[in-house]
Each structure stands twice: as structure tokens, then as C-alpha cells.
Protein backbone atom coordinates (compact mmCIF):
# COMPACT_ATOMS: atom_id res chain seq x y z
CA MET A 1 12.14 5.19 -22.00
CA PRO A 2 13.75 7.65 -19.58
CA GLU A 3 16.78 6.56 -17.61
CA LYS A 4 16.07 5.41 -14.06
CA ASP A 5 16.52 8.23 -11.58
CA HIS A 6 19.42 7.79 -9.15
CA TYR A 7 17.15 7.69 -6.09
CA GLU A 8 14.67 5.32 -7.71
CA ALA A 9 17.54 2.93 -8.40
CA LYS A 10 18.84 3.38 -4.86
CA ALA A 11 15.42 2.59 -3.34
CA ALA A 12 15.00 -0.50 -5.53
CA ASN A 13 18.50 -1.74 -4.74
CA LEU A 14 17.95 -1.12 -1.04
CA LEU A 15 14.78 -3.20 -1.01
CA LYS A 16 16.33 -5.96 -3.11
CA ALA A 17 19.30 -6.11 -0.74
CA GLU A 18 17.07 -6.35 2.33
CA LEU A 19 15.02 -9.11 0.70
CA LYS A 20 18.22 -11.00 -0.12
CA ARG A 21 19.60 -10.44 3.40
CA ALA A 22 16.37 -11.81 4.88
CA GLY A 23 16.31 -14.70 2.42
CA VAL A 24 12.85 -13.72 1.22
CA THR A 25 11.70 -14.39 -2.35
CA TYR A 26 9.14 -12.26 -4.17
CA LYS A 27 6.58 -15.04 -3.69
CA GLU A 28 7.25 -15.08 0.06
CA LEU A 29 7.05 -11.29 0.14
CA VAL A 30 3.56 -11.49 -1.39
CA GLU A 31 2.52 -13.83 1.44
CA LYS A 32 4.11 -11.65 4.12
CA LEU A 33 2.47 -8.50 2.72
CA ASP A 34 -0.87 -10.28 2.56
CA ALA A 35 -0.51 -11.15 6.25
CA ILE A 36 -0.34 -7.43 7.11
CA GLY A 37 -3.24 -6.53 4.82
CA VAL A 38 -1.31 -5.35 1.76
CA HIS A 39 -2.45 -7.21 -1.34
CA GLU A 40 0.06 -7.36 -4.19
CA LYS A 41 0.74 -9.85 -6.94
CA GLU A 42 4.21 -11.28 -7.45
CA VAL A 43 4.39 -9.93 -10.99
CA ASN A 44 3.53 -6.41 -9.74
CA ILE A 45 6.28 -6.54 -7.13
CA ARG A 46 8.74 -7.81 -9.72
CA ASN A 47 7.81 -4.94 -12.05
CA LYS A 48 7.98 -2.30 -9.32
CA LEU A 49 11.48 -3.38 -8.33
CA ALA A 50 12.65 -3.66 -11.94
CA ARG A 51 11.40 -0.15 -12.73
CA GLY A 52 12.36 1.31 -9.37
CA LYS A 53 8.99 3.08 -9.27
CA PHE A 54 7.14 2.60 -6.01
CA SER A 55 5.95 4.73 -3.13
CA ALA A 56 7.71 5.24 0.16
CA SER A 57 4.77 3.55 1.86
CA PHE A 58 5.26 0.43 -0.32
CA LEU A 59 8.92 0.36 0.72
CA ILE A 60 7.95 0.60 4.40
CA TYR A 61 5.27 -2.08 4.03
CA CYS A 62 7.84 -4.43 2.51
CA LEU A 63 10.49 -3.70 5.12
CA GLU A 64 8.01 -4.19 7.94
CA ALA A 65 6.68 -7.40 6.38
CA ILE A 66 10.15 -8.95 6.28
CA GLY A 67 11.04 -7.77 9.78
CA VAL A 68 13.54 -5.02 9.04
CA SER A 69 13.70 -2.61 11.95
CA ASP A 70 17.00 -0.87 11.23
CA LEU A 71 18.04 0.50 7.87
CA ARG A 72 21.40 1.87 6.88
CA LEU A 73 21.60 4.18 3.88
């Protein structure tokens, strides 16, 4: 398996940090995404974050769902 790309890891860590900061679990994220019309399963979210492979739109959906309006890179 290829090594995780630096930016993939950075994106995954960024999202994990924002989830932690907001106190949102993966299960709660599923519910919050569902409320905005994005249907994901908890296991899929867990896998996406573990692999670091997800689209920019998925990242934005998640950030919007948990109420993040400012992001510092």
C-alpha cells in the first residue's frame, strides 16, 4: 500500500481536529451530515479519515455540518 500523501494526511488531521474541537463523534457527524442532505455511513467516514482519501467537497460538507466557519491552516 502506498504511503499516505502529505496533503492527504494534513486534510484528515485537520478534519479530525475540528471534530475533536467541536466535540463531535463520527456517529454524530453522520446525523449532522444527514440533516444537510449528505448521506454517509459511520464506517465510511471512519475509513475516509483513516485513509485520508476524500474530496474537498466532503471536507466542506463536514466542516459546515459541525458549524466551522473559520479554518486555520
